[in-house]
N, C-alpha and C. Protein backbone atom coordinates (compact mmCIF):
# COMPACT_ATOMS: atom_id res chain seq x y z
N MET A 1 20.73 3.25 -14.49
CA MET A 1 20.43 3.02 -13.17
C MET A 1 19.98 1.88 -12.72
N ASP A 2 20.32 1.07 -11.49
CA ASP A 2 20.11 0.00 -11.33
C ASP A 2 19.10 -0.47 -10.69
N GLU A 3 18.19 -1.63 -10.44
CA GLU A 3 16.80 -2.37 -10.25
C GLU A 3 16.86 -1.33 -8.63
N PHE A 4 16.88 -1.49 -7.78
CA PHE A 4 17.19 -0.81 -6.80
C PHE A 4 16.63 0.39 -6.21
N ASN A 5 17.69 1.16 -7.15
CA ASN A 5 17.52 2.63 -7.52
C ASN A 5 16.22 2.93 -8.11
N ARG A 6 15.83 2.25 -9.01
CA ARG A 6 14.46 2.55 -9.81
C ARG A 6 13.19 1.76 -8.79
N SER A 7 13.51 0.68 -8.30
CA SER A 7 12.49 0.24 -6.85
C SER A 7 12.20 1.13 -6.06
N LEU A 8 13.47 2.13 -5.25
CA LEU A 8 13.52 3.16 -4.29
C LEU A 8 12.70 4.49 -4.93
N GLY A 9 12.92 4.93 -6.04
CA GLY A 9 12.18 5.88 -7.03
C GLY A 9 11.01 5.64 -6.92
N LYS A 10 10.57 5.01 -7.16
CA LYS A 10 8.73 4.03 -7.23
C LYS A 10 8.42 4.34 -5.83
N ILE A 11 9.25 3.90 -4.98
CA ILE A 11 8.41 4.02 -3.09
C ILE A 11 8.63 5.16 -2.81
N LEU A 12 9.25 5.75 -3.24
CA LEU A 12 9.40 7.38 -2.99
C LEU A 12 8.57 8.33 -3.19
N VAL A 13 8.10 8.10 -4.40
CA VAL A 13 7.04 8.82 -5.34
C VAL A 13 5.55 7.82 -4.71
N SER A 14 5.44 6.97 -4.95
CA SER A 14 4.50 6.40 -4.52
C SER A 14 3.44 6.42 -3.27
N GLU A 15 4.82 6.29 -2.43
CA GLU A 15 4.18 6.74 -0.77
C GLU A 15 3.97 7.58 -0.66
N GLY A 16 2.93 8.07 0.23
CA GLY A 16 2.76 9.64 0.13
C GLY A 16 3.50 10.07 1.27
N GLY A 17 3.40 10.83 2.47
CA GLY A 17 4.02 10.99 3.39
C GLY A 17 3.70 10.34 4.69
N PHE A 18 3.63 11.36 5.67
CA PHE A 18 3.22 10.56 6.88
C PHE A 18 1.75 10.32 7.49
N THR A 19 0.96 8.95 7.81
CA THR A 19 0.04 8.68 8.09
C THR A 19 -0.22 8.41 9.53
N ASN A 20 -1.05 8.06 10.29
CA ASN A 20 -1.73 7.47 11.60
C ASN A 20 -2.80 7.35 11.89
N ASN A 21 -3.12 6.34 11.05
CA ASN A 21 -4.71 5.83 10.72
C ASN A 21 -5.31 5.23 11.86
N LEU A 22 -5.75 5.57 12.90
CA LEU A 22 -6.09 4.10 14.23
C LEU A 22 -6.98 3.17 13.53
N LYS A 23 -7.06 3.53 12.33
CA LYS A 23 -7.99 1.94 11.98
C LYS A 23 -7.06 0.98 11.35
N ASN A 24 -6.00 1.59 10.94
CA ASN A 24 -5.06 0.89 9.93
C ASN A 24 -4.13 0.05 10.67
N PRO A 25 -4.03 -1.52 10.93
CA PRO A 25 -3.09 -2.14 12.02
C PRO A 25 -1.86 -1.60 11.55
N GLY A 26 -1.27 -1.52 10.59
CA GLY A 26 0.39 -1.17 10.34
C GLY A 26 0.93 0.05 11.31
N GLY A 27 -0.51 0.66 11.66
CA GLY A 27 0.12 2.33 12.51
C GLY A 27 0.48 3.32 11.96
N ALA A 28 1.78 3.87 12.64
CA ALA A 28 2.07 5.02 11.89
C ALA A 28 2.70 4.53 11.17
N THR A 29 2.95 5.56 9.94
CA THR A 29 3.58 4.80 8.47
C THR A 29 4.44 6.32 7.89
N ASN A 30 5.52 6.29 7.13
CA ASN A 30 5.97 7.32 6.78
C ASN A 30 6.48 7.23 5.47
N ARG A 31 6.10 7.43 4.00
CA ARG A 31 6.49 7.08 2.75
C ARG A 31 7.01 5.60 2.71
N GLY A 32 5.75 4.40 3.07
CA GLY A 32 5.98 3.01 3.07
C GLY A 32 6.76 2.52 4.04
N VAL A 33 7.24 3.36 4.93
CA VAL A 33 7.90 2.52 6.57
C VAL A 33 6.99 2.36 7.83
N THR A 34 6.73 1.55 8.43
CA THR A 34 5.91 1.44 9.54
C THR A 34 6.87 1.97 10.56
N GLN A 35 6.12 1.95 11.83
CA GLN A 35 6.51 2.74 12.79
C GLN A 35 7.79 1.45 14.17
N ARG A 36 7.03 0.14 13.34
CA ARG A 36 7.57 -1.20 13.98
C ARG A 36 8.91 -1.69 13.13
N VAL A 37 9.06 -1.25 11.69
CA VAL A 37 10.39 -1.29 11.05
C VAL A 37 11.22 -0.49 11.31
N TYR A 38 10.91 0.91 11.43
CA TYR A 38 11.79 1.88 11.56
C TYR A 38 12.31 1.65 12.80
N ASN A 39 11.61 1.44 14.01
CA ASN A 39 12.08 1.08 15.30
C ASN A 39 13.44 0.04 15.49
N GLU A 40 12.98 -1.33 14.72
CA GLU A 40 13.58 -2.12 14.63
C GLU A 40 15.07 -1.72 13.88
N ASP A 41 15.08 -0.87 12.96
CA ASP A 41 16.24 -0.49 12.17
C ASP A 41 17.47 0.21 12.91
N ARG A 42 16.77 1.33 13.35
CA ARG A 42 17.31 2.03 14.40
C ARG A 42 18.27 1.23 15.88
N MET A 43 17.21 0.40 16.38
CA MET A 43 17.99 -0.31 17.28
C MET A 43 19.27 -1.51 17.00
N SER A 44 18.93 -2.13 15.40
CA SER A 44 19.60 -2.84 15.20
C SER A 44 20.96 -2.00 14.95
N ARG A 45 20.88 -0.69 14.59
CA ARG A 45 22.40 0.18 14.15
C ARG A 45 22.92 1.28 15.97
N GLY A 46 21.77 0.40 16.85
CA GLY A 46 22.49 0.78 17.97
C GLY A 46 21.86 2.62 18.57
N LEU A 47 20.81 2.54 18.13
CA LEU A 47 20.22 4.01 18.23
C LEU A 47 18.66 3.95 18.69
N SER A 48 18.47 4.68 19.48
CA SER A 48 16.92 4.97 20.08
C SER A 48 15.71 5.11 18.77
N ALA A 49 15.10 4.76 19.52
CA ALA A 49 13.47 4.74 18.82
C ALA A 49 13.30 6.26 18.52
N GLN A 50 12.51 7.00 17.23
CA GLN A 50 12.10 7.76 17.25
C GLN A 50 10.99 7.70 16.81
N SER A 51 10.09 8.97 16.28
CA SER A 51 9.15 8.96 15.24
C SER A 51 9.45 8.56 14.10
N VAL A 52 8.61 7.65 13.49
CA VAL A 52 8.96 8.07 11.94
C VAL A 52 8.53 8.85 11.04
N GLN A 53 7.81 9.76 11.66
CA GLN A 53 7.95 11.15 10.94
C GLN A 53 9.25 11.81 10.58
N LEU A 54 9.95 11.06 11.61
CA LEU A 54 11.68 12.09 11.25
C LEU A 54 12.26 10.69 10.27
N ILE A 55 11.69 10.01 9.77
CA ILE A 55 12.42 9.25 8.71
C ILE A 55 13.53 10.14 7.50
N THR A 56 14.47 9.53 7.27
CA THR A 56 15.30 10.25 5.89
C THR A 56 15.19 9.30 4.89
N ASP A 57 15.29 10.33 3.86
CA ASP A 57 15.73 9.24 2.20
C ASP A 57 16.68 8.10 2.50
N VAL A 58 17.72 8.66 3.27
CA VAL A 58 19.31 7.60 3.21
C VAL A 58 18.49 6.51 3.93
N GLU A 59 17.71 7.02 5.48
CA GLU A 59 17.33 5.84 6.55
C GLU A 59 16.22 4.51 5.41
N ILE A 60 15.34 5.07 4.60
CA ILE A 60 14.39 4.53 3.91
C ILE A 60 14.98 3.88 2.66
N ALA A 61 16.64 4.49 2.27
CA ALA A 61 17.19 3.78 0.97
C ALA A 61 17.90 2.65 2.27
N ASP A 62 18.12 2.34 3.04
CA ASP A 62 19.01 1.58 3.46
C ASP A 62 18.03 0.44 4.01
N ILE A 63 16.59 1.06 4.79
CA ILE A 63 15.80 -0.26 5.13
C ILE A 63 15.85 -0.68 3.78
N CYS A 64 15.32 -0.04 2.54
CA CYS A 64 14.59 -1.17 1.68
C CYS A 64 15.82 -2.22 0.68
N ASN A 65 16.98 -1.37 0.97
CA ASN A 65 18.17 -2.50 0.79
C ASN A 65 18.10 -3.69 1.91
N GLU A 66 18.38 -3.29 2.73
CA GLU A 66 18.09 -4.34 3.81
C GLU A 66 17.06 -5.52 3.22
N LEU A 67 16.02 -4.77 3.29
CA LEU A 67 14.69 -5.93 2.29
C LEU A 67 14.79 -6.44 1.01
N THR A 68 15.78 -6.10 0.37
CA THR A 68 16.25 -6.24 -0.83
C THR A 68 15.24 -6.21 -1.80
N LEU A 69 14.72 -5.01 -1.30
CA LEU A 69 13.82 -4.48 -2.20
C LEU A 69 13.85 -4.22 -3.43
N THR A 70 12.69 -4.97 -4.74
CA THR A 70 13.20 -5.05 -6.36
C THR A 70 12.02 -4.56 -6.61
N THR A 71 11.76 -4.17 -7.65
CA THR A 71 10.58 -3.34 -9.05
C THR A 71 9.58 -4.21 -8.78
N ASN A 72 10.21 -5.60 -8.58
CA ASN A 72 8.46 -5.93 -8.70
C ASN A 72 8.44 -6.43 -7.45
N HIS A 73 8.66 -6.77 -6.24
CA HIS A 73 8.29 -6.25 -4.65
C HIS A 73 7.76 -5.16 -4.59
N CYS A 74 8.11 -3.74 -5.21
CA CYS A 74 7.50 -2.99 -5.09
C CYS A 74 6.04 -2.95 -5.44
N SER A 75 6.31 -3.19 -6.70
CA SER A 75 4.64 -3.25 -7.52
C SER A 75 3.70 -4.43 -7.14
N VAL A 76 4.17 -5.49 -6.61
CA VAL A 76 3.57 -6.66 -5.89
C VAL A 76 2.79 -6.42 -4.31
N LEU A 77 3.74 -5.22 -3.92
CA LEU A 77 3.27 -4.97 -2.43
C LEU A 77 2.34 -3.31 -2.47
N LEU A 78 2.64 -3.02 -3.69
CA LEU A 78 1.77 -1.55 -3.80
C LEU A 78 -0.17 -2.17 -4.42
N TYR A 79 0.38 -3.19 -5.33
CA TYR A 79 -1.13 -3.85 -6.09
C TYR A 79 -2.13 -4.82 -4.63
N ARG A 80 -0.88 -5.26 -3.60
CA ARG A 80 -2.05 -5.75 -2.33
C ARG A 80 -2.43 -4.79 -1.71
N ALA A 81 -1.90 -3.84 -1.42
CA ALA A 81 -2.27 -2.84 -0.56
C ALA A 81 -3.59 -1.77 -0.91
N ARG A 82 -3.62 -1.83 -2.53
CA ARG A 82 -4.38 -1.16 -3.20
C ARG A 82 -6.05 -2.37 -2.99
N THR A 83 -5.61 -3.59 -3.79
CA THR A 83 -6.90 -4.63 -3.32
C THR A 83 -7.23 -4.54 -1.78
N ARG A 84 -6.35 -4.53 -1.16
CA ARG A 84 -6.96 -4.92 0.45
C ARG A 84 -7.93 -3.43 1.15
N LEU A 85 -6.88 -2.18 0.31
CA LEU A 85 -7.79 -1.03 0.83
C LEU A 85 -9.59 -1.07 0.25
N ARG A 86 -9.65 -1.79 -0.95
CA ARG A 86 -10.82 -1.68 -1.77
C ARG A 86 -11.80 -2.31 -1.24
N THR A 87 -10.64 -3.75 -0.60
CA THR A 87 -11.67 -4.39 0.01
C THR A 87 -12.20 -4.00 1.25
N CYS A 88 -11.68 -3.68 2.19
CA CYS A 88 -11.89 -2.65 3.50
C CYS A 88 -12.94 -1.72 3.41
N LEU A 89 -12.81 -0.75 1.92
CA LEU A 89 -13.85 0.18 2.39
C LEU A 89 -15.19 -0.46 1.75
N SER A 90 -15.17 -1.35 0.49
CA SER A 90 -16.18 -2.23 0.23
C SER A 90 -16.90 -2.48 1.52
N GLU A 91 -16.23 -3.32 2.47
CA GLU A 91 -17.01 -4.02 4.11
C GLU A 91 -17.50 -2.73 4.80
N LYS A 92 -16.81 -1.56 4.10
CA LYS A 92 -17.31 -0.42 4.88
C LYS A 92 -18.41 0.09 4.50
N GLY A 93 -18.89 -0.30 3.12
CA GLY A 93 -19.81 0.40 2.56
C GLY A 93 -19.21 1.76 1.47
N LEU A 94 -18.07 1.99 1.68
CA LEU A 94 -17.55 2.97 0.91
C LEU A 94 -17.19 2.82 -0.56
N THR A 95 -16.50 4.17 -1.21
CA THR A 95 -16.19 3.51 -2.52
C THR A 95 -14.65 4.34 -2.29
N THR A 96 -13.66 3.85 -3.31
CA THR A 96 -12.55 4.43 -3.40
C THR A 96 -12.68 6.09 -3.66
N GLU A 97 -13.56 6.67 -3.64
CA GLU A 97 -13.90 7.94 -4.26
C GLU A 97 -13.53 8.89 -2.68
N ASP A 98 -14.44 7.75 -1.75
CA ASP A 98 -14.19 8.02 -0.28
C ASP A 98 -13.07 8.34 0.65
N ALA A 99 -12.14 7.66 0.21
CA ALA A 99 -10.40 7.30 0.60
C ALA A 99 -9.84 8.43 0.15
N ALA A 100 -8.95 9.19 1.14
CA ALA A 100 -8.29 10.26 1.07
C ALA A 100 -6.85 9.92 -0.22
N GLY A 101 -6.84 10.96 -0.83
CA GLY A 101 -5.44 10.18 -1.68
C GLY A 101 -6.45 9.82 -3.13
N GLU A 102 -5.33 9.32 -4.20
CA GLU A 102 -5.66 8.98 -5.30
C GLU A 102 -5.54 7.33 -5.57
N MET A 103 -6.48 7.17 -6.10
CA MET A 103 -6.78 5.50 -6.38
C MET A 103 -6.30 4.86 -7.66
N TYR A 104 -5.72 4.06 -7.82
CA TYR A 104 -5.46 3.63 -9.03
C TYR A 104 -6.60 2.36 -9.93
């Protein structure tokens, strides 16, 4: 298996389903892809925008391939996201147990 497919596998496992937390500046996100990135991808292919909730595995793979995602990139992005979440929770007086989902 090549590095891209290993990285994609990590994303599809690590990134959960759809979320649209109004406190999240990234907005609507599904399996690691934000609505903005999904819209840009669809428009670049001559397609109209649609909800990121409808994104397919093939579209996720295409977007990740376009962004030249590697295993290292995936690990760094997940680490930064977790660190930022912990900081945000701490600033609000919350703990990682208060967050929805499992924290590593």
